[in-house]
Protein backbone atom coordinates (compact mmCIF):
# COMPACT_ATOMS: atom_id res chain seq x y z
CA UNK A 1 -8.47 -7.13 -30.06
CA UNK A 2 -10.33 -7.46 -26.84
CA UNK A 3 -7.00 -7.89 -24.97
CA UNK A 4 -5.60 -4.36 -26.41
CA UNK A 5 -9.03 -2.93 -25.10
CA UNK A 6 -8.78 -4.56 -22.00
CA UNK A 7 -5.44 -3.34 -21.39
CA UNK A 8 -6.32 0.23 -22.35
CA UNK A 9 -9.19 0.30 -19.92
CA UNK A 10 -6.72 -1.02 -16.99
CA UNK A 11 -4.36 1.54 -17.78
CA UNK A 12 -7.04 4.19 -17.95
CA UNK A 13 -8.55 3.03 -14.46
CA UNK A 14 -5.19 3.00 -12.87
CA UNK A 15 -4.54 6.54 -14.14
CA UNK A 16 -7.81 7.77 -12.46
CA UNK A 17 -9.86 8.38 -15.85
CA UNK A 18 -13.00 6.63 -14.43
CA UNK A 19 -12.95 6.96 -10.58
CA UNK A 20 -16.18 5.84 -10.27
CA UNK A 21 -17.80 3.66 -13.14
CA UNK A 22 -16.91 2.53 -16.48
CA UNK A 23 -18.78 3.78 -19.62
CA UNK A 24 -21.50 1.61 -21.01
CA UNK A 25 -21.01 -0.98 -23.29
CA UNK A 26 -22.74 0.96 -26.13
CA UNK A 27 -20.35 3.77 -25.34
CA UNK A 28 -17.34 1.64 -25.36
CA UNK A 29 -18.38 -0.02 -28.57
CA UNK A 30 -18.44 3.46 -30.30
CA UNK A 31 -15.19 4.25 -28.87
CA UNK A 32 -13.19 1.24 -30.00
CA UNK A 33 -15.29 0.62 -33.00
CA UNK A 34 -15.77 -2.94 -31.87
CA UNK A 35 -18.63 -5.66 -31.50
CA UNK A 36 -20.78 -5.87 -28.13
CA UNK A 37 -19.07 -9.54 -27.62
CA UNK A 38 -15.64 -8.03 -28.19
CA UNK A 39 -16.42 -5.44 -25.48
CA UNK A 40 -17.95 -7.83 -23.13
CA UNK A 41 -14.74 -10.03 -23.26
CA UNK A 42 -12.65 -7.20 -22.69
CA UNK A 43 -14.81 -6.28 -19.60
CA UNK A 44 -14.53 -9.78 -18.44
CA UNK A 45 -10.65 -9.50 -18.43
CA UNK A 46 -11.00 -6.12 -16.26
CA UNK A 47 -13.20 -7.84 -13.91
CA UNK A 48 -10.95 -10.87 -13.70
CA UNK A 49 -8.10 -8.62 -12.69
CA UNK A 50 -9.99 -7.28 -9.94
CA UNK A 51 -10.35 -3.57 -10.82
CA UNK A 52 -14.10 -3.56 -11.25
CA UNK A 53 -17.26 -5.01 -9.72
CA UNK A 54 -20.37 -6.11 -11.60
CA UNK A 55 -23.96 -4.61 -10.47
CA UNK A 56 -26.48 -6.26 -12.29
CA UNK A 57 -28.48 -3.94 -14.43
CA UNK A 58 -26.29 -1.02 -13.62
CA UNK A 59 -22.95 -1.64 -14.94
CA UNK A 60 -19.11 -1.97 -13.88
CA UNK A 61 -17.94 0.08 -10.85
CA UNK A 62 -14.40 0.90 -10.38
CA UNK A 63 -12.81 -0.49 -7.03
CA UNK A 64 -11.31 2.16 -5.21
CA UNK A 65 -8.19 1.02 -3.21
CA UNK A 66 -7.05 4.60 -2.18
CA UNK A 67 -7.91 3.81 1.59
CA UNK A 68 -5.23 1.17 1.72
CA UNK A 69 -2.35 2.60 0.11
CA UNK A 70 -1.25 5.38 -2.63
CA UNK A 71 1.00 2.41 -3.98
CA UNK A 72 -1.05 -0.73 -4.84
CA UNK A 73 0.44 -3.69 -6.71
CA UNK A 74 -2.48 -5.67 -8.40
CA UNK A 75 -1.32 -9.26 -8.21
CA UNK A 76 -4.28 -10.45 -10.38
CA UNK A 77 -3.11 -8.25 -13.43
CA UNK A 78 -1.02 -10.36 -15.79
CA UNK A 79 -0.28 -8.11 -18.46
CA UNK A 80 2.77 -6.09 -17.05
CA UNK A 81 3.26 -5.23 -13.72
CA UNK A 82 5.59 -2.32 -14.53
CA UNK A 83 2.72 -0.34 -16.16
CA UNK A 84 -0.03 -1.80 -13.95
CA UNK A 85 1.06 -0.14 -10.60
CA UNK A 86 -1.33 2.36 -9.17
CA UNK A 87 0.62 5.72 -9.24
CA UNK A 88 2.78 4.52 -11.94
CA UNK A 89 4.06 3.69 -14.28
CA UNK A 90 7.39 2.49 -13.04
CA UNK A 91 10.75 3.63 -14.43
CA UNK A 92 13.56 1.00 -15.05
CA UNK A 93 17.36 1.18 -14.57
CA UNK A 94 19.01 -1.84 -16.00
CA UNK A 95 22.07 -2.79 -13.76
CA UNK A 96 22.70 -6.08 -15.59
CA UNK A 97 22.04 -7.85 -18.55
CA UNK A 98 23.46 -11.25 -19.86
CA UNK A 99 22.92 -14.44 -21.72
CA UNK A 100 23.59 -17.32 -19.19
CA UNK A 101 22.97 -21.14 -18.98
CA UNK A 102 20.43 -21.68 -16.29
CA UNK A 103 22.18 -23.15 -13.03
CA UNK A 104 20.65 -25.99 -11.09
CA UNK A 105 19.03 -23.30 -8.69
CA UNK A 106 17.44 -21.45 -11.57
CA UNK A 107 16.15 -24.37 -13.38
CA UNK A 108 14.19 -25.24 -10.14
CA UNK A 109 13.06 -21.67 -9.74
CA UNK A 110 11.84 -21.29 -13.23
CA UNK A 111 10.75 -24.96 -14.21
CA UNK A 112 13.28 -24.83 -17.02
CA UNK A 113 16.12 -27.32 -17.83
CA UNK A 114 19.57 -26.93 -16.44
CA UNK A 115 21.78 -25.56 -18.80
CA UNK A 116 19.22 -23.68 -20.99
CA UNK A 117 20.28 -20.41 -22.35
CA UNK A 118 18.43 -17.67 -20.39
CA UNK A 119 18.64 -13.79 -20.72
CA UNK A 120 19.23 -12.29 -17.25
CA UNK A 121 17.82 -9.05 -16.56
CA UNK A 122 18.36 -7.17 -13.28
CA UNK A 123 16.64 -3.95 -12.88
CA UNK A 124 16.12 -1.24 -10.17
CA UNK A 125 12.59 0.16 -10.68
CA UNK A 126 11.31 3.48 -9.38
CA UNK A 127 8.08 4.87 -8.57
CA UNK A 128 7.74 8.64 -8.48
CA UNK A 129 11.48 8.87 -8.20
CA UNK A 130 11.62 6.57 -5.02
CA UNK A 131 13.11 3.06 -5.23
CA UNK A 132 10.31 0.42 -5.64
CA UNK A 133 11.87 -2.61 -6.25
CA UNK A 134 14.84 -4.70 -7.61
CA UNK A 135 13.73 -7.23 -10.24
CA UNK A 136 15.80 -10.36 -11.22
CA UNK A 137 14.22 -11.91 -14.43
CA UNK A 138 15.11 -14.61 -16.91
CA UNK A 139 13.78 -15.18 -20.29
CA UNK A 140 14.72 -18.68 -21.73
CA UNK A 141 16.16 -17.79 -25.54
CA UNK A 142 14.49 -20.87 -27.01
CA UNK A 143 11.26 -19.24 -26.37
CA UNK A 144 12.45 -15.73 -26.45
CA UNK A 145 14.90 -15.36 -29.40
CA UNK A 146 16.02 -11.86 -29.00
CA UNK A 147 16.32 -9.31 -25.91
CA UNK A 148 18.67 -6.45 -25.20
CA UNK A 149 19.59 -4.02 -22.41
CA UNK A 150 18.01 -1.25 -24.28
CA UNK A 151 14.66 -3.20 -24.62
CA UNK A 152 14.78 -4.09 -21.00
CA UNK A 153 14.77 -0.18 -20.13
CA UNK A 154 11.04 -0.33 -21.30
CA UNK A 155 8.25 -2.94 -20.99
CA UNK A 156 9.66 -6.29 -21.81
CA UNK A 157 6.10 -7.81 -21.84
CA UNK A 158 5.07 -5.16 -24.24
CA UNK A 159 8.10 -5.96 -26.41
CA UNK A 160 7.22 -9.51 -26.33
CA UNK A 161 3.59 -8.98 -27.10
CA UNK A 162 4.27 -6.48 -29.97
CA UNK A 163 7.21 -8.64 -31.71
CA UNK A 164 6.50 -12.00 -31.16
CA UNK A 165 2.73 -11.79 -30.28
CA UNK A 166 3.72 -13.48 -27.00
CA UNK A 167 0.79 -13.23 -24.43
CA UNK A 168 0.94 -15.08 -21.14
CA UNK A 169 -1.81 -17.55 -20.17
CA UNK A 170 -0.93 -18.39 -16.39
CA UNK A 171 1.31 -16.96 -13.79
CA UNK A 172 2.30 -18.92 -10.63
CA UNK A 173 3.31 -16.57 -7.78
CA UNK A 174 4.88 -17.18 -4.33
CA UNK A 175 5.31 -14.51 -1.91
CA UNK A 176 7.77 -14.85 1.02
CA UNK A 177 10.43 -12.90 3.11
CA UNK A 178 13.92 -13.47 2.13
CA UNK A 179 17.35 -11.67 2.90
CA UNK A 180 18.32 -9.56 0.16
CA UNK A 181 21.64 -11.05 -1.63
CA UNK A 182 24.92 -8.79 -0.64
CA UNK A 183 25.36 -7.83 -4.21
CA UNK A 184 21.81 -6.55 -4.46
CA UNK A 185 21.68 -5.04 -0.98
CA UNK A 186 24.47 -2.85 -2.08
CA UNK A 187 22.53 -1.64 -5.31
CA UNK A 188 19.56 -1.00 -3.17
CA UNK A 189 21.48 1.04 -0.42
CA UNK A 190 20.55 -1.38 2.31
CA UNK A 191 22.33 -3.14 5.19
CA UNK A 192 23.52 -6.50 4.50
CA UNK A 193 21.11 -9.33 5.17
CA UNK A 194 18.13 -7.28 5.20
CA UNK A 195 14.80 -9.12 4.94
CA UNK A 196 12.36 -7.83 1.94
CA UNK A 197 9.03 -8.78 0.72
CA UNK A 198 9.99 -11.25 -2.11
CA UNK A 199 7.86 -12.23 -5.11
CA UNK A 200 8.89 -15.39 -6.96
CA UNK A 201 6.84 -15.53 -10.28
CA UNK A 202 6.70 -17.98 -13.34
CA UNK A 203 4.76 -16.80 -16.35
CA UNK A 204 3.54 -19.42 -18.92
CA UNK A 205 2.31 -19.30 -22.34
CA UNK A 206 -1.01 -21.07 -23.45
CA UNK A 207 1.34 -24.06 -24.73
CA UNK A 208 2.66 -24.60 -20.96
CA UNK A 209 6.12 -23.24 -21.99
CA UNK A 210 7.79 -20.96 -19.66
CA UNK A 211 8.77 -17.67 -21.24
CA UNK A 212 9.65 -15.62 -17.97
CA UNK A 213 10.51 -16.34 -14.27
CA UNK A 214 11.56 -13.75 -11.83
CA UNK A 215 12.45 -12.71 -8.29
CA UNK A 216 11.48 -9.35 -7.19
CA UNK A 217 12.69 -7.67 -3.87
CA UNK A 218 10.16 -4.69 -2.82
CA UNK A 219 11.20 -1.88 -0.54
CA UNK A 220 8.65 0.89 -1.63
CA UNK A 221 7.07 2.31 1.69
CA UNK A 222 3.38 1.84 1.91
CA UNK A 223 3.27 -0.90 -0.81
CA UNK A 224 0.06 -2.93 -0.68
CA UNK A 225 -0.38 -5.95 -2.62
CA UNK A 226 -3.96 -6.88 -3.90
CA UNK A 227 -5.49 -10.10 -5.01
CA UNK A 228 -8.90 -10.52 -6.70
CA UNK A 229 -10.65 -13.93 -6.35
CA UNK A 230 -13.67 -15.47 -7.57
CA UNK A 231 -15.69 -17.69 -4.88
CA UNK A 232 -16.60 -21.12 -5.85
CA UNK A 233 -19.17 -22.97 -3.70
CA UNK A 234 -17.72 -26.56 -3.30
CA UNK A 235 -20.97 -27.78 -1.61
CA UNK A 236 -22.85 -27.71 -4.88
C-alpha cells in the first residue's frame, strides 16, 4: 500500500500540487486512511527518489528544479519514467512491436540468455507535443507472459504492476553519447549518424530476474537529468 501512496505523492509533486512542502503525517494518514508507519514508509520512498528534503522538526520540503529546466527527468525514480517526467506525462506512439529471440548483442545489453524470447517495443515519446525521445525496450516473455502494441501505447510499467503485481527492485543505468541508428534517425527526423544522449537501463525484480531492459535516445531541448544520492561516510 505504501508504494501506491508514494507514487501518488510523486505524481502530485511533479504536477505542482505541493510547491513548497508536503502535508503533515497526520494529514496524510487521514487522507489515505493509512497508519503512521505506512505513511512514513511512503515518505521514505519519496525522499529516496530525490523529490523532497527532510528538515528535522519541520517536515518534508519539495526540491524545486525549475531553475535548471522545465523538463527534468529524475533518474532516481524507478516507478515509470513515462509518468514521472516533470511537465509530463509523456505520450507514446508505438512504431514497432514484435516477439523476437534475443541476439548476442541484446543478451549482453540486457543480461539475458541468447535466444530468449523477448517482446520488442519501439516508441516515439512526446512532451507537450514535442519529440522527447525514442525508446527501444525489451521484456523477456518468460517473465512478462503477455504484452501487446495496444498496451504499449500507455504505461507498460503500470500494466505490469496492475496485472502481474510486478514491481522493480533495482535498476542499472548507463548514460553515454551514441550515434542514432539510421532507421531510428529517420523516425526521429534527424540527420544520419547524429549523436544523442543515450540511456541504457536494466530493471530487476527482487528475485534478481530481468523484467525489462531498454535503450533511450533523448532529443528534447533543455532536458535535465537529475540524480539523488545519500552520502556515506566511509571513514567511520
